[in-house]
């Protein structure tokens, strides 16, 4: 829980800092959903006779781990010790000259398999998406070769984008 202190008069009060998106996590049938809209779409999918399997929160690697040249030793594997004047093994890259950076994963809301064998990946949006979502969406589509289906609720209908 994010808490922030705010002074009013002589007493300090604690004010709750809101989350980035106002979605409320919901638990249904022993499964946790990120929002009520996501749960509503899950229930909608369960009612469709052509849906064979629904996988919740599937993860996809959209960027593999990669290596970069160490910024401290600049790939030389050693740095000059200012106190002694000796060359020491770089502690940042552990003497390798390169550092490994973590890759990037994308977690969708659903992976749905239909009775005819067709599989699609669905992301439910109940709000305008974050700034980096278009980039993540393109990386996902490039790495998997599958189109990411965006679903929004308008009134009582579900719109696919």
C-alpha atoms as a PDB file:
ATOM      1  CA  UNK A   1       0.000   0.000   0.000  1.00  0.00           C
ATOM      2  CA  UNK A   2       1.386   3.381  -0.987  1.00  0.00           C
ATOM      3  CA  UNK A   3       1.159   5.889   1.835  1.00  0.00           C
ATOM      4  CA  UNK A   4       2.037   9.527   1.779  1.00  0.00           C
ATOM      5  CA  UNK A   5       2.329  11.836   4.801  1.00  0.00           C
ATOM      6  CA  UNK A   6       0.542  15.164   4.625  1.00  0.00           C
ATOM      7  CA  UNK A   7       0.773  17.887   7.232  1.00  0.00           C
ATOM      8  CA  UNK A   8      -2.338  19.745   8.302  1.00  0.00           C
ATOM      9  CA  UNK A   9      -1.939  22.041  11.256  1.00  0.00           C
ATOM     10  CA  UNK A  10       0.111  20.400  13.959  1.00  0.00           C
ATOM     11  CA  UNK A  11      -0.847  16.771  13.247  1.00  0.00           C
ATOM     12  CA  UNK A  12       0.475  14.594  10.429  1.00  0.00           C
ATOM     13  CA  UNK A  13      -2.177  12.592   8.547  1.00  0.00           C
ATOM     14  CA  UNK A  14      -1.663   9.622   6.309  1.00  0.00           C
ATOM     15  CA  UNK A  15      -3.235   9.893   2.868  1.00  0.00           C
ATOM     16  CA  UNK A  16      -3.586   6.901   0.566  1.00  0.00           C
ATOM     17  CA  UNK A  17      -1.925   7.404  -2.826  1.00  0.00           C
ATOM     18  CA  UNK A  18      -4.115   5.986  -5.625  1.00  0.00           C
ATOM     19  CA  UNK A  19      -2.901   3.286  -7.990  1.00  0.00           C
ATOM     20  CA  UNK A  20      -2.039   4.171 -11.559  1.00  0.00           C
ATOM     21  CA  UNK A  21      -5.267   2.680 -12.868  1.00  0.00           C
ATOM     22  CA  UNK A  22      -8.384   2.531 -10.731  1.00  0.00           C
ATOM     23  CA  UNK A  23      -9.051  -1.154 -11.445  1.00  0.00           C
ATOM     24  CA  UNK A  24     -10.027  -3.345  -8.503  1.00  0.00           C
ATOM     25  CA  UNK A  25      -8.596  -6.866  -8.298  1.00  0.00           C
ATOM     26  CA  UNK A  26     -11.336  -9.501  -8.133  1.00  0.00           C
ATOM     27  CA  UNK A  27     -11.232 -13.166  -7.143  1.00  0.00           C
ATOM     28  CA  UNK A  28     -13.713 -15.575  -8.722  1.00  0.00           C
ATOM     29  CA  UNK A  29     -13.724 -19.364  -8.568  1.00  0.00           C
ATOM     30  CA  UNK A  30     -10.248 -19.332  -6.968  1.00  0.00           C
ATOM     31  CA  UNK A  31      -8.757 -17.227  -9.784  1.00  0.00           C
ATOM     32  CA  UNK A  32      -7.598 -13.632  -9.481  1.00  0.00           C
ATOM     33  CA  UNK A  33      -8.482 -11.095 -12.159  1.00  0.00           C
ATOM     34  CA  UNK A  34      -6.935  -7.635 -12.535  1.00  0.00           C
ATOM     35  CA  UNK A  35     -10.302  -5.905 -12.982  1.00  0.00           C
ATOM     36  CA  UNK A  36     -14.052  -6.408 -12.928  1.00  0.00           C
ATOM     37  CA  UNK A  37     -14.094  -5.885 -16.706  1.00  0.00           C
ATOM     38  CA  UNK A  38     -11.610  -8.732 -17.162  1.00  0.00           C
ATOM     39  CA  UNK A  39     -13.786 -11.002 -15.016  1.00  0.00           C
ATOM     40  CA  UNK A  40     -16.887 -10.022 -17.013  1.00  0.00           C
ATOM     41  CA  UNK A  41     -15.145 -10.962 -20.279  1.00  0.00           C
ATOM     42  CA  UNK A  42     -13.976 -14.268 -18.786  1.00  0.00           C
ATOM     43  CA  UNK A  43     -17.589 -15.092 -17.875  1.00  0.00           C
ATOM     44  CA  UNK A  44     -18.628 -14.080 -21.410  1.00  0.00           C
ATOM     45  CA  UNK A  45     -16.018 -16.447 -22.900  1.00  0.00           C
ATOM     46  CA  UNK A  46     -17.170 -19.340 -20.689  1.00  0.00           C
ATOM     47  CA  UNK A  47     -20.687 -19.049 -22.131  1.00  0.00           C
ATOM     48  CA  UNK A  48     -19.527 -19.340 -25.759  1.00  0.00           C
ATOM     49  CA  UNK A  49     -19.960 -22.924 -27.064  1.00  0.00           C
ATOM     50  CA  UNK A  50     -17.079 -22.617 -29.563  1.00  0.00           C
ATOM     51  CA  UNK A  51     -14.496 -21.923 -26.815  1.00  0.00           C
ATOM     52  CA  UNK A  52     -12.586 -25.063 -25.864  1.00  0.00           C
ATOM     53  CA  UNK A  53      -9.960 -23.715 -23.448  1.00  0.00           C
ATOM     54  CA  UNK A  54      -9.230 -20.408 -21.698  1.00  0.00           C
ATOM     55  CA  UNK A  55      -5.759 -19.797 -20.298  1.00  0.00           C
ATOM     56  CA  UNK A  56      -5.484 -16.915 -17.835  1.00  0.00           C
ATOM     57  CA  UNK A  57      -2.517 -14.527 -17.725  1.00  0.00           C
ATOM     58  CA  UNK A  58      -0.294 -16.266 -20.347  1.00  0.00           C
ATOM     59  CA  UNK A  59       3.232 -14.864 -20.506  1.00  0.00           C
ATOM     60  CA  UNK A  60       5.214 -14.309 -23.688  1.00  0.00           C
ATOM     61  CA  UNK A  61       8.866 -13.362 -24.010  1.00  0.00           C
ATOM     62  CA  UNK A  62       8.966 -10.348 -26.335  1.00  0.00           C
ATOM     63  CA  UNK A  63      12.635  -9.491 -25.893  1.00  0.00           C
ATOM     64  CA  UNK A  64      15.366 -12.032 -25.179  1.00  0.00           C
ATOM     65  CA  UNK A  65      18.058 -11.327 -22.580  1.00  0.00           C
ATOM     66  CA  UNK A  66      21.011  -9.515 -24.145  1.00  0.00           C
ATOM     67  CA  UNK A  67      24.524  -8.366 -23.312  1.00  0.00           C
ATOM     68  CA  UNK A  68      25.992  -4.870 -23.315  1.00  0.00           C
ATOM     69  CA  UNK A  69      29.510  -3.586 -22.785  1.00  0.00           C
ATOM     70  CA  UNK A  70      30.177  -2.784 -19.131  1.00  0.00           C
ATOM     71  CA  UNK A  71      29.940   0.966 -18.491  1.00  0.00           C
ATOM     72  CA  UNK A  72      32.498   0.985 -15.663  1.00  0.00           C
ATOM     73  CA  UNK A  73      35.391  -0.875 -17.274  1.00  0.00           C
ATOM     74  CA  UNK A  74      34.292  -0.223 -20.887  1.00  0.00           C
ATOM     75  CA  UNK A  75      34.841  -3.866 -21.767  1.00  0.00           C
ATOM     76  CA  UNK A  76      38.441  -3.977 -20.461  1.00  0.00           C
ATOM     77  CA  UNK A  77      37.468  -6.240 -17.518  1.00  0.00           C
ATOM     78  CA  UNK A  78      39.638  -4.191 -15.139  1.00  0.00           C
ATOM     79  CA  UNK A  79      39.397  -0.804 -13.437  1.00  0.00           C
ATOM     80  CA  UNK A  80      42.065   1.356 -11.866  1.00  0.00           C
ATOM     81  CA  UNK A  81      42.012   1.407  -8.070  1.00  0.00           C
ATOM     82  CA  UNK A  82      42.454   5.079  -7.090  1.00  0.00           C
ATOM     83  CA  UNK A  83      43.905   4.294  -3.661  1.00  0.00           C
ATOM     84  CA  UNK A  84      46.578   1.783  -4.696  1.00  0.00           C
ATOM     85  CA  UNK A  85      47.030   2.532  -8.402  1.00  0.00           C
ATOM     86  CA  UNK A  86      46.606  -1.155  -9.238  1.00  0.00           C
ATOM     87  CA  UNK A  87      44.256  -2.642 -11.811  1.00  0.00           C
ATOM     88  CA  UNK A  88      41.461  -4.604 -10.149  1.00  0.00           C
ATOM     89  CA  UNK A  89      38.805  -6.871 -11.578  1.00  0.00           C
ATOM     90  CA  UNK A  90      35.661  -4.861 -12.355  1.00  0.00           C
ATOM     91  CA  UNK A  91      33.054  -5.600  -9.692  1.00  0.00           C
ATOM     92  CA  UNK A  92      30.138  -4.475 -11.874  1.00  0.00           C
ATOM     93  CA  UNK A  93      30.644  -7.061 -14.643  1.00  0.00           C
ATOM     94  CA  UNK A  94      32.731  -9.421 -12.451  1.00  0.00           C
ATOM     95  CA  UNK A  95      35.646  -9.248 -14.886  1.00  0.00           C
ATOM     96  CA  UNK A  96      33.694 -10.371 -17.962  1.00  0.00           C
ATOM     97  CA  UNK A  97      33.665  -7.035 -19.782  1.00  0.00           C
ATOM     98  CA  UNK A  98      29.965  -7.462 -20.592  1.00  0.00           C
ATOM     99  CA  UNK A  99      26.799  -7.267 -18.506  1.00  0.00           C
ATOM    100  CA  UNK A 100      23.645  -9.257 -19.152  1.00  0.00           C
ATOM    101  CA  UNK A 101      20.393  -7.318 -19.265  1.00  0.00           C
ATOM    102  CA  UNK A 102      17.080  -8.976 -18.554  1.00  0.00           C
ATOM    103  CA  UNK A 103      14.668  -9.560 -21.398  1.00  0.00           C
ATOM    104  CA  UNK A 104      11.065  -8.394 -21.460  1.00  0.00           C
ATOM    105  CA  UNK A 105       7.887 -10.413 -21.027  1.00  0.00           C
ATOM    106  CA  UNK A 106       4.331  -9.499 -21.923  1.00  0.00           C
ATOM    107  CA  UNK A 107       1.433 -10.871 -19.896  1.00  0.00           C
ATOM    108  CA  UNK A 108      -1.847 -10.940 -21.788  1.00  0.00           C
ATOM    109  CA  UNK A 109      -5.237 -11.412 -20.147  1.00  0.00           C
ATOM    110  CA  UNK A 110      -6.333 -14.574 -22.007  1.00  0.00           C
ATOM    111  CA  UNK A 111      -5.182 -17.164 -24.529  1.00  0.00           C
ATOM    112  CA  UNK A 112      -8.323 -18.695 -25.992  1.00  0.00           C
ATOM    113  CA  UNK A 113      -8.406 -21.956 -27.962  1.00  0.00           C
ATOM    114  CA  UNK A 114     -11.505 -22.645 -30.039  1.00  0.00           C
ATOM    115  CA  UNK A 115     -12.963 -26.032 -30.986  1.00  0.00           C
ATOM    116  CA  UNK A 116     -11.606 -25.715 -34.565  1.00  0.00           C
ATOM    117  CA  UNK A 117      -8.039 -25.394 -33.152  1.00  0.00           C
ATOM    118  CA  UNK A 118      -7.692 -21.641 -33.723  1.00  0.00           C
ATOM    119  CA  UNK A 119      -5.897 -19.823 -30.890  1.00  0.00           C
ATOM    120  CA  UNK A 120      -5.971 -16.113 -30.167  1.00  0.00           C
ATOM    121  CA  UNK A 121      -4.471 -13.904 -27.486  1.00  0.00           C
ATOM    122  CA  UNK A 122      -6.820 -11.339 -25.939  1.00  0.00           C
ATOM    123  CA  UNK A 123      -6.199  -8.254 -23.830  1.00  0.00           C
ATOM    124  CA  UNK A 124      -9.180  -6.575 -22.134  1.00  0.00           C
ATOM    125  CA  UNK A 125      -9.012  -2.800 -21.814  1.00  0.00           C
ATOM    126  CA  UNK A 126     -11.438  -0.848 -19.665  1.00  0.00           C
ATOM    127  CA  UNK A 127      -9.514   2.412 -20.011  1.00  0.00           C
ATOM    128  CA  UNK A 128      -7.072   4.120 -22.334  1.00  0.00           C
ATOM    129  CA  UNK A 129      -3.896   2.084 -22.383  1.00  0.00           C
ATOM    130  CA  UNK A 130      -0.530   3.160 -21.003  1.00  0.00           C
ATOM    131  CA  UNK A 131       2.068   4.978 -23.090  1.00  0.00           C
ATOM    132  CA  UNK A 132       4.217   1.901 -23.688  1.00  0.00           C
ATOM    133  CA  UNK A 133       1.351  -0.437 -24.662  1.00  0.00           C
ATOM    134  CA  UNK A 134       1.550   0.185 -28.442  1.00  0.00           C
ATOM    135  CA  UNK A 135       5.254  -0.713 -28.384  1.00  0.00           C
ATOM    136  CA  UNK A 136       4.644  -3.843 -26.311  1.00  0.00           C
ATOM    137  CA  UNK A 137       1.807  -4.818 -28.639  1.00  0.00           C
ATOM    138  CA  UNK A 138       4.038  -4.516 -31.717  1.00  0.00           C
ATOM    139  CA  UNK A 139       6.858  -6.438 -30.054  1.00  0.00           C
ATOM    140  CA  UNK A 140       4.398  -9.178 -29.079  1.00  0.00           C
ATOM    141  CA  UNK A 141       3.035  -9.437 -32.622  1.00  0.00           C
ATOM    142  CA  UNK A 142       6.534  -9.448 -34.136  1.00  0.00           C
ATOM    143  CA  UNK A 143       7.896 -12.122 -31.786  1.00  0.00           C
ATOM    144  CA  UNK A 144       4.880 -14.470 -31.798  1.00  0.00           C
ATOM    145  CA  UNK A 145       3.461 -13.901 -35.275  1.00  0.00           C
ATOM    146  CA  UNK A 146      -0.003 -13.627 -33.713  1.00  0.00           C
ATOM    147  CA  UNK A 147      -2.260 -10.590 -33.657  1.00  0.00           C
ATOM    148  CA  UNK A 148      -3.096  -9.278 -30.187  1.00  0.00           C
ATOM    149  CA  UNK A 149      -6.863  -8.810 -29.942  1.00  0.00           C
ATOM    150  CA  UNK A 150      -7.948  -5.800 -27.849  1.00  0.00           C
ATOM    151  CA  UNK A 151     -11.421  -6.015 -26.338  1.00  0.00           C
ATOM    152  CA  UNK A 152     -13.353  -3.113 -24.782  1.00  0.00           C
ATOM    153  CA  UNK A 153     -16.796  -3.012 -23.265  1.00  0.00           C
ATOM    154  CA  UNK A 154     -19.238  -0.438 -24.656  1.00  0.00           C
ATOM    155  CA  UNK A 155     -22.523  -0.656 -22.780  1.00  0.00           C
ATOM    156  CA  UNK A 156     -23.537  -4.321 -22.859  1.00  0.00           C
ATOM    157  CA  UNK A 157     -21.482  -5.242 -25.932  1.00  0.00           C
ATOM    158  CA  UNK A 158     -17.857  -6.278 -26.345  1.00  0.00           C
ATOM    159  CA  UNK A 159     -15.948  -4.494 -29.117  1.00  0.00           C
ATOM    160  CA  UNK A 160     -12.890  -6.116 -30.701  1.00  0.00           C
ATOM    161  CA  UNK A 161     -10.155  -3.834 -31.997  1.00  0.00           C
END
